[in-house]
Amino acid sequence: MPLFSAASSAPSSDLPSTGLPPAATGDGGADGAGRRPPLWLPSPYLVLGGLLWAVLSAAAWQAPLCCEAGLQAAVVERLRVNLLHPAFPMTDLPAVASAHYSPYALVQGLAARAAGFSGPSVVALAASVNLLLLLTGIGRLTRLLTPNRWVPVLLLVPLALIHWADPARWSAPSTFAVAVTLHLWAWTGRAAARTARPGDPMPGRTPRWPEAAGIGVLLGLVLLVHPPTAIGAAIGCLALIAIRTRTRIRPTVWRWAFAVVCAVTVAALWPYYNGLTAERTPADGRTTGPPAAEGVRAAGEPYAWATAYVPPGEVVLTDSRPAMYALAGHGAYVLADALPDAGLATTERRERSRAVAAYLDTSTPQARRDGITARYGVRWLLLTRFQRLPENATVLAFSPRTGEVLARVPTTG
């Protein structure tokens, strides 16, 4: 699908003909051929895709740090503080085989350290890059499959609707993985359909070895960033190879097998975790952290009133799930995450969940509350309007929208 289309400007047929070649008529043109240069116009996909990119990129700066956005910002914050040995995104413990520290996250962490950006700023900038990769991937793949330049334009409609349905829950890693998958499919389809050149000593041996390695590395990258997408990516590659290969498949088997070996190698040797075995949810498949607070639907709450007070690296006790991601995205930790990292030991997860529940229980003695804050280094509380403030807490800020309260508790122990 060309990005630009040419509009012909041939002379009108009702003009008298001299019977001479165009160059001999003296009808001057910049190209000396007696005709005007073609007028280049942007394709519909370039215009509409560029407009969509600009609108959604601007919207990324307005989306609250909820859910995936807050979690990804927290990942960037941990890598910004310690690139080689980061803590868990939400919990103040050294990360062990956390699947959140993918190559995608590592690049974001490097960018944050090099430019001095915060986690939320890097996530907003990455949204623009992800969308650009996605749009160019759509263009490349549709150009491979059909010459109709309106096909990618139609795909812009669901893309816009999916984003505007709930921008706060837009997953940056999965968007990046899908975008890379589109480019991977386009590359695989072109490699599989390549015909032998005259004089080629090994006709039909496609892809070339370096090309097979590159395709395999991309597939391994998708596997590390978002394993569910990698399954679809692999199936799509197999389908393109089976459908578009123009020579006998047998001469290409070893090269495509080499691509698979490269993908597995990249996933297995990633230093932060093993991409072939890492889990992204708790081992028992259930939420072991505190539930989202009853009566509070604060997915759109920016929590700037709270993050302005809590310094990065300090621990907050709360059972409000939206607050957890907003606080962690600005560098703080939470005592117990509603959906904790699978790399965190089950025993530790359950102990922290029980500690949060005990602290928020109105029947818990103050001495036990003080023991919890001392053990886990809790300095801050973020409570809903339905939860009672402890005796020794000092209120610093509150949300007039949700009624939530930020309080400071004294250092004990």
Protein backbone atom coordinates (compact mmCIF):
# COMPACT_ATOMS: atom_id res chain seq x y z
CA MET A 1 0.00 0.00 0.00
CA PRO A 2 1.79 3.15 -1.13
CA LEU A 3 1.95 6.02 1.28
CA PHE A 4 1.61 8.45 -1.56
CA SER A 5 -0.45 8.34 -4.77
CA ALA A 6 0.34 10.08 -8.07
CA ALA A 7 -2.21 12.26 -9.83
CA SER A 8 -1.62 12.36 -13.60
CA SER A 9 -1.45 15.77 -15.28
CA ALA A 10 -1.30 14.74 -18.97
CA PRO A 11 -2.09 17.49 -21.55
CA SER A 12 -5.70 17.74 -22.72
CA SER A 13 -6.50 15.78 -25.90
CA ASP A 14 -8.29 18.75 -27.52
CA LEU A 15 -5.04 20.71 -27.97
CA PRO A 16 -3.59 20.74 -31.47
CA SER A 17 -0.89 18.21 -32.11
CA THR A 18 2.34 19.24 -33.80
CA GLY A 19 3.30 15.71 -34.72
CA LEU A 20 6.69 16.29 -33.14
CA PRO A 21 8.21 14.54 -30.12
CA PRO A 22 7.48 16.32 -26.80
CA ALA A 23 11.09 17.48 -26.46
CA ALA A 24 10.96 19.20 -29.85
CA THR A 25 7.84 21.25 -29.24
CA GLY A 26 9.51 23.64 -26.89
CA ASP A 27 6.58 23.26 -24.47
CA GLY A 28 8.81 23.65 -21.47
CA GLY A 29 8.60 21.49 -18.38
CA ALA A 30 10.90 21.14 -15.45
CA ASP A 31 11.79 17.64 -16.61
CA GLY A 32 12.45 18.74 -20.18
CA ALA A 33 10.00 16.13 -21.51
CA GLY A 34 7.14 18.47 -22.28
CA ARG A 35 4.98 17.32 -19.39
CA ARG A 36 4.50 18.44 -15.84
CA PRO A 37 5.93 16.34 -13.03
CA PRO A 38 3.33 14.11 -11.34
CA LEU A 39 1.55 15.54 -8.34
CA TRP A 40 2.22 13.43 -5.24
CA LEU A 41 -0.59 13.21 -2.74
CA PRO A 42 -0.62 11.40 0.63
CA SER A 43 -2.61 8.20 0.72
CA PRO A 44 -5.85 8.07 2.75
CA TYR A 45 -4.21 5.78 5.30
CA LEU A 46 -1.32 8.18 5.86
CA VAL A 47 -3.66 11.11 6.43
CA LEU A 48 -6.23 9.37 8.64
CA GLY A 49 -3.64 7.22 10.43
CA GLY A 50 -1.53 10.28 11.17
CA LEU A 51 -4.55 12.11 12.52
CA LEU A 52 -5.48 9.16 14.75
CA TRP A 53 -1.90 8.90 15.97
CA ALA A 54 -1.84 12.58 16.94
CA VAL A 55 -5.17 12.41 18.79
CA LEU A 56 -4.42 9.23 20.72
CA SER A 57 -0.87 10.36 21.54
CA ALA A 58 -2.28 13.52 23.10
CA ALA A 59 -4.90 11.48 24.98
CA ALA A 60 -2.16 9.29 26.49
CA TRP A 61 -0.96 12.25 28.57
CA GLN A 62 -4.45 12.70 30.03
CA ALA A 63 -5.16 9.08 30.98
CA PRO A 64 -4.98 8.38 34.74
CA LEU A 65 -2.41 5.93 36.09
CA CYS A 66 -4.86 3.10 36.60
CA CYS A 67 -4.43 -0.61 36.07
CA GLU A 68 -1.93 -1.44 33.31
CA ALA A 69 -0.69 2.15 32.95
CA GLY A 70 0.06 2.46 36.66
CA LEU A 71 1.72 -0.93 36.77
CA GLN A 72 3.91 -0.15 33.77
CA ALA A 73 4.90 3.21 35.28
CA ALA A 74 5.84 1.37 38.48
CA VAL A 75 8.03 -1.02 36.47
CA VAL A 76 9.83 1.94 34.89
CA GLU A 77 10.32 3.55 38.31
CA ARG A 78 11.94 0.39 39.71
CA LEU A 79 14.30 0.11 36.73
CA ARG A 80 15.12 3.80 36.97
CA VAL A 81 16.25 3.27 40.57
CA ASN A 82 18.06 -0.04 40.03
CA LEU A 83 18.52 -1.30 36.48
CA LEU A 84 20.14 -4.65 37.26
CA HIS A 85 18.35 -5.66 40.47
CA PRO A 86 14.96 -3.91 40.62
CA ALA A 87 12.35 -4.47 43.28
CA PHE A 88 8.93 -5.88 42.51
CA PRO A 89 6.80 -3.24 40.76
CA MET A 90 4.34 -2.90 43.64
CA THR A 91 6.06 -4.43 46.68
CA ASP A 92 9.22 -3.33 48.48
CA LEU A 93 11.06 -6.62 47.99
CA PRO A 94 13.85 -7.64 45.56
CA ALA A 95 12.27 -8.96 42.37
CA VAL A 96 12.91 -12.61 41.67
CA ALA A 97 11.99 -13.79 38.17
CA SER A 98 9.39 -11.07 37.68
CA ALA A 99 7.91 -11.32 34.19
CA HIS A 100 7.23 -7.58 34.18
CA TYR A 101 10.91 -6.85 33.45
CA SER A 102 10.78 -7.63 29.76
CA PRO A 103 12.97 -6.14 27.00
CA TYR A 104 10.21 -3.59 26.41
CA ALA A 105 10.35 -2.49 30.05
CA LEU A 106 14.16 -2.46 30.02
CA VAL A 107 14.24 -0.02 27.09
CA GLN A 108 11.80 2.20 28.96
CA GLY A 109 13.96 2.05 32.09
CA LEU A 110 17.06 2.98 30.10
CA ALA A 111 15.21 5.92 28.55
CA ALA A 112 14.06 7.09 31.98
CA ARG A 113 17.58 6.94 33.39
CA ALA A 114 19.18 8.63 30.37
CA ALA A 115 16.66 11.46 30.02
CA GLY A 116 15.70 11.85 33.67
CA PHE A 117 12.01 11.20 32.93
CA SER A 118 9.56 9.83 35.47
CA GLY A 119 7.70 6.56 35.03
CA PRO A 120 4.40 8.22 34.02
CA SER A 121 6.16 10.40 31.44
CA VAL A 122 7.92 7.43 29.87
CA VAL A 123 4.65 5.47 29.70
CA ALA A 124 2.92 8.38 27.94
CA LEU A 125 5.77 8.73 25.44
CA ALA A 126 5.83 4.98 24.86
CA ALA A 127 2.14 5.08 23.97
CA SER A 128 3.00 7.26 20.96
CA VAL A 129 5.81 4.92 19.90
CA ASN A 130 3.60 1.84 20.31
CA LEU A 131 0.83 3.38 18.25
CA LEU A 132 3.28 4.37 15.52
CA LEU A 133 4.60 0.79 15.39
CA LEU A 134 1.04 -0.52 15.29
CA LEU A 135 -0.04 1.77 12.45
CA THR A 136 3.05 1.06 10.36
CA GLY A 137 2.61 -2.66 11.04
CA ILE A 138 -0.97 -2.51 9.77
CA GLY A 139 0.25 -0.71 6.65
CA ARG A 140 3.01 -3.24 5.93
CA LEU A 141 0.83 -6.30 6.46
CA THR A 142 -2.12 -5.06 4.42
CA ARG A 143 0.24 -4.02 1.63
CA LEU A 144 1.51 -7.59 1.61
CA LEU A 145 -1.96 -9.13 1.44
CA THR A 146 -3.92 -6.77 -0.80
CA PRO A 147 -3.30 -3.87 -3.20
CA ASN A 148 -6.49 -2.14 -2.03
CA ARG A 149 -5.36 0.98 -0.21
CA TRP A 150 -8.68 1.38 1.64
CA VAL A 151 -8.32 -1.85 3.62
CA PRO A 152 -5.97 -0.39 6.27
CA VAL A 153 -8.22 2.67 6.51
CA LEU A 154 -11.11 0.44 7.58
CA LEU A 155 -8.94 -1.06 10.31
CA LEU A 156 -8.52 2.35 11.90
CA VAL A 157 -12.17 2.36 12.99
CA PRO A 158 -12.02 -0.55 15.49
CA LEU A 159 -8.60 0.64 16.64
CA ALA A 160 -10.03 4.01 17.64
CA LEU A 161 -13.12 2.47 19.24
CA ILE A 162 -11.10 0.01 21.32
CA HIS A 163 -8.96 2.79 22.71
CA TRP A 164 -11.77 5.20 23.53
CA ALA A 165 -13.82 2.45 25.21
CA ASP A 166 -11.51 2.53 28.24
CA PRO A 167 -8.21 4.39 27.74
CA ALA A 168 -7.13 3.85 31.34
CA ARG A 169 -6.98 0.08 30.80
CA TRP A 170 -5.01 0.23 27.55
CA SER A 171 -2.16 -2.28 27.91
CA ALA A 172 1.14 -0.89 26.66
CA PRO A 173 3.10 -4.20 26.59
CA SER A 174 0.37 -6.06 24.71
CA THR A 175 0.02 -3.17 22.23
CA PHE A 176 3.76 -3.27 21.62
CA ALA A 177 3.66 -7.06 21.21
CA VAL A 178 0.80 -6.87 18.69
CA ALA A 179 2.61 -4.13 16.75
CA VAL A 180 5.81 -6.19 16.57
CA THR A 181 3.73 -9.21 15.53
CA LEU A 182 2.31 -7.31 12.55
CA HIS A 183 5.82 -6.40 11.40
CA LEU A 184 6.91 -9.99 12.03
CA TRP A 185 4.11 -11.33 9.84
CA ALA A 186 4.91 -8.86 7.07
CA TRP A 187 8.57 -9.87 7.16
CA THR A 188 7.77 -13.59 7.25
CA GLY A 189 5.28 -13.30 4.36
CA ARG A 190 7.77 -11.49 2.15
CA ALA A 191 10.55 -13.93 2.97
CA ALA A 192 8.36 -16.96 2.27
CA ALA A 193 7.16 -15.57 -1.07
CA ARG A 194 10.58 -14.57 -2.37
CA THR A 195 11.55 -16.27 -5.63
CA ALA A 196 15.04 -17.29 -6.61
CA ARG A 197 17.17 -14.83 -8.55
CA PRO A 198 18.92 -15.83 -11.79
CA GLY A 199 22.20 -17.51 -11.01
CA ASP A 200 21.32 -18.15 -7.38
CA PRO A 201 23.49 -21.13 -6.34
CA MET A 202 20.78 -22.35 -3.93
CA PRO A 203 17.41 -21.49 -5.50
CA GLY A 204 14.39 -21.70 -3.26
CA ARG A 205 16.40 -21.54 -0.03
CA THR A 206 14.39 -18.83 1.69
CA PRO A 207 14.62 -17.18 4.12
CA ARG A 208 18.31 -16.38 4.15
CA TRP A 209 20.12 -17.38 7.35
CA PRO A 210 20.44 -13.83 8.75
CA GLU A 211 16.81 -13.21 7.88
CA ALA A 212 15.73 -16.38 9.67
CA ALA A 213 17.70 -15.27 12.72
CA GLY A 214 16.02 -11.85 12.69
CA ILE A 215 12.55 -13.36 12.40
CA GLY A 216 13.33 -15.71 15.28
CA VAL A 217 14.64 -12.90 17.48
CA LEU A 218 11.44 -10.89 16.87
CA LEU A 219 9.31 -13.89 17.81
CA GLY A 220 11.37 -14.36 20.98
CA LEU A 221 10.89 -10.68 21.79
CA VAL A 222 7.11 -11.05 21.53
CA LEU A 223 7.27 -14.11 23.78
CA LEU A 224 9.16 -12.17 26.46
CA VAL A 225 6.89 -9.12 26.30
CA HIS A 226 3.47 -10.81 26.09
CA PRO A 227 3.33 -14.64 25.91
CA PRO A 228 -0.35 -14.89 24.84
CA THR A 229 0.37 -12.72 21.81
CA ALA A 230 3.38 -14.89 20.98
CA ILE A 231 1.09 -17.90 20.48
CA GLY A 232 -0.92 -16.04 17.85
CA ALA A 233 2.27 -14.68 16.31
CA ALA A 234 3.70 -18.18 15.86
CA ILE A 235 0.45 -19.52 14.37
CA GLY A 236 0.31 -16.59 11.94
CA CYS A 237 3.90 -17.20 10.84
CA LEU A 238 3.17 -20.86 10.17
CA ALA A 239 0.09 -19.94 8.13
CA LEU A 240 2.02 -17.43 6.02
CA ILE A 241 4.83 -19.90 5.40
CA ALA A 242 2.37 -22.59 4.35
CA ILE A 243 0.32 -20.32 2.08
CA ARG A 244 2.92 -18.01 0.53
CA THR A 245 5.92 -20.28 -0.01
CA ARG A 246 6.46 -20.41 -3.80
CA THR A 247 9.01 -23.20 -3.81
CA ARG A 248 9.14 -26.64 -2.29
CA ILE A 249 8.95 -26.33 1.48
CA ARG A 250 11.54 -29.02 2.14
CA PRO A 251 14.59 -26.88 1.20
CA THR A 252 13.39 -24.19 3.65
CA VAL A 253 12.71 -26.41 6.66
CA TRP A 254 16.15 -26.05 8.23
CA ARG A 255 16.10 -22.28 7.90
CA TRP A 256 12.69 -21.89 9.48
CA ALA A 257 13.78 -24.34 12.19
CA PHE A 258 16.76 -22.07 12.81
CA ALA A 259 14.34 -19.17 13.31
CA VAL A 260 12.53 -21.21 15.97
CA VAL A 261 15.84 -22.00 17.71
CA CYS A 262 16.70 -18.30 17.79
CA ALA A 263 13.29 -17.46 19.31
CA VAL A 264 13.66 -20.10 22.04
CA THR A 265 17.23 -19.03 22.77
CA VAL A 266 16.27 -15.39 23.21
CA ALA A 267 13.40 -16.31 25.56
CA ALA A 268 15.46 -18.77 27.60
CA LEU A 269 18.53 -16.58 28.07
CA TRP A 270 16.78 -13.36 29.08
CA PRO A 271 18.59 -12.45 32.33
CA TYR A 272 15.61 -11.11 34.31
CA TYR A 273 13.48 -14.26 34.00
CA ASN A 274 13.03 -17.35 31.84
CA GLY A 275 10.55 -16.40 29.13
CA LEU A 276 9.58 -20.04 28.57
CA THR A 277 8.42 -20.70 32.13
CA ALA A 278 7.60 -17.32 33.74
CA GLU A 279 4.07 -16.77 35.04
CA ARG A 280 2.23 -13.46 35.07
CA THR A 281 -0.49 -14.33 37.59
CA PRO A 282 -0.39 -15.88 41.07
CA ALA A 283 0.47 -19.57 41.05
CA ASP A 284 -2.93 -20.58 42.39
CA GLY A 285 -4.69 -18.41 39.81
CA ARG A 286 -6.57 -16.39 42.45
CA THR A 287 -6.24 -12.91 43.81
CA THR A 288 -4.39 -13.25 47.12
CA GLY A 289 -4.15 -9.55 47.89
CA PRO A 290 -6.81 -7.31 49.42
CA PRO A 291 -9.96 -6.79 47.36
CA ALA A 292 -10.82 -3.46 45.80
CA ALA A 293 -12.50 -1.21 48.31
CA GLU A 294 -16.26 -1.49 48.50
CA GLY A 295 -18.23 1.49 47.28
CA VAL A 296 -15.29 3.19 45.54
CA ARG A 297 -15.12 3.25 41.77
CA ALA A 298 -12.09 5.47 41.29
CA ALA A 299 -10.61 4.12 38.05
CA GLY A 300 -10.53 7.65 36.70
CA GLU A 301 -9.19 9.27 39.87
CA PRO A 302 -5.76 10.82 39.13
CA TYR A 303 -4.66 10.68 42.81
CA ALA A 304 -2.46 13.74 42.34
CA TRP A 305 -3.72 14.90 45.74
CA ALA A 306 -2.05 11.84 47.30
CA THR A 307 1.06 11.33 45.15
CA ALA A 308 2.11 14.93 45.84
CA TYR A 309 2.74 13.95 49.47
CA VAL A 310 4.11 10.40 49.30
CA PRO A 311 7.84 10.32 48.43
CA PRO A 312 9.11 7.60 46.06
CA GLY A 313 10.27 4.45 47.82
CA GLU A 314 7.96 4.69 50.85
CA VAL A 315 5.30 2.11 51.73
CA VAL A 316 1.56 2.83 51.71
CA LEU A 317 -1.12 0.63 53.30
CA THR A 318 -4.37 0.62 51.32
CA ASP A 319 -6.91 -1.79 49.88
CA SER A 320 -8.07 0.55 47.11
CA ARG A 321 -6.91 -1.06 43.90
CA PRO A 322 -6.93 2.12 41.76
CA ALA A 323 -4.91 3.90 44.44
CA MET A 324 -2.36 1.08 44.49
CA TYR A 325 -1.47 1.50 40.82
CA ALA A 326 -1.46 5.30 40.94
CA LEU A 327 0.85 5.37 43.97
CA ALA A 328 3.19 2.72 42.60
CA GLY A 329 3.29 4.47 39.25
CA HIS A 330 4.73 7.53 40.99
CA GLY A 331 7.40 5.51 42.80
CA ALA A 332 5.79 4.48 46.09
CA TYR A 333 5.20 0.89 47.24
CA VAL A 334 2.08 -0.75 48.64
CA LEU A 335 2.05 -3.23 51.48
CA ALA A 336 -0.05 -5.78 49.57
CA ASP A 337 -1.05 -5.71 45.92
CA ALA A 338 -4.55 -6.80 44.88
CA LEU A 339 -3.02 -8.96 42.14
CA PRO A 340 0.54 -9.64 43.31
CA ASP A 341 3.46 -10.63 41.11
CA ALA A 342 3.74 -14.37 40.51
CA GLY A 343 7.43 -14.20 41.43
CA LEU A 344 6.52 -13.21 44.99
CA ALA A 345 6.35 -16.23 47.29
CA THR A 346 2.83 -17.37 48.13
CA THR A 347 3.56 -17.29 51.87
CA GLU A 348 4.75 -13.69 51.69
CA ARG A 349 1.73 -12.65 49.64
CA ARG A 350 -0.71 -14.14 52.12
CA GLU A 351 1.04 -12.67 55.15
CA ARG A 352 0.92 -9.20 53.65
CA SER A 353 -2.76 -9.58 52.72
CA ARG A 354 -3.61 -10.66 56.27
CA ALA A 355 -1.64 -7.71 57.65
CA VAL A 356 -3.67 -5.24 55.56
CA ALA A 357 -6.94 -6.85 56.59
CA ALA A 358 -5.94 -6.86 60.26
CA TYR A 359 -4.85 -3.22 60.23
CA LEU A 360 -8.11 -2.08 58.65
CA ASP A 361 -10.23 -4.15 61.05
CA THR A 362 -11.73 -1.81 63.64
CA SER A 363 -11.43 -4.48 66.33
CA THR A 364 -7.63 -4.71 65.98
CA PRO A 365 -5.77 -3.22 68.99
CA GLN A 366 -3.57 -0.21 68.31
CA ALA A 367 -0.52 -2.11 69.52
CA ARG A 368 -0.95 -4.69 66.78
CA ARG A 369 -1.42 -1.96 64.19
CA ASP A 370 1.85 -0.39 65.33
CA GLY A 371 3.54 -3.78 65.00
CA ILE A 372 2.37 -4.09 61.39
CA THR A 373 3.61 -0.63 60.45
CA ALA A 374 6.96 -1.31 62.14
CA ARG A 375 7.47 -4.70 60.49
CA TYR A 376 6.73 -3.56 56.95
CA GLY A 377 7.97 0.01 57.17
CA VAL A 378 4.53 1.53 56.54
CA ARG A 379 4.52 5.32 56.75
CA TRP A 380 1.31 6.17 54.92
CA LEU A 381 -2.34 5.15 54.87
CA LEU A 382 -4.82 5.69 52.06
CA LEU A 383 -8.29 4.88 53.38
CA THR A 384 -11.73 5.00 51.87
CA ARG A 385 -14.53 7.00 53.41
CA PHE A 386 -15.90 3.77 54.93
CA GLN A 387 -12.72 2.96 56.88
CA ARG A 388 -11.92 4.33 60.34
CA LEU A 389 -8.76 6.35 60.85
CA PRO A 390 -6.36 4.99 63.56
CA GLU A 391 -5.72 7.00 66.69
CA ASN A 392 -2.15 7.99 65.82
CA ALA A 393 -2.70 8.92 62.14
CA THR A 394 -2.48 12.47 60.84
CA VAL A 395 -4.63 13.42 57.85
CA LEU A 396 -2.72 15.31 55.16
CA ALA A 397 -5.02 15.25 52.14
CA PHE A 398 -8.33 13.91 50.89
CA SER A 399 -10.26 13.53 47.65
CA PRO A 400 -13.51 15.49 47.43
CA ARG A 401 -14.51 13.19 44.56
CA THR A 402 -14.19 9.79 46.26
CA GLY A 403 -13.88 10.72 49.93
CA GLU A 404 -10.57 8.85 50.25
CA VAL A 405 -8.09 10.10 52.83
CA LEU A 406 -4.29 10.16 52.90
CA ALA A 407 -2.79 9.99 56.38
CA ARG A 408 0.68 9.72 57.86
CA VAL A 409 1.46 7.30 60.68
CA PRO A 410 4.42 7.83 63.05
CA THR A 411 7.56 5.79 62.80
CA THR A 412 7.66 2.99 65.38
CA GLY A 413 10.10 0.29 66.29
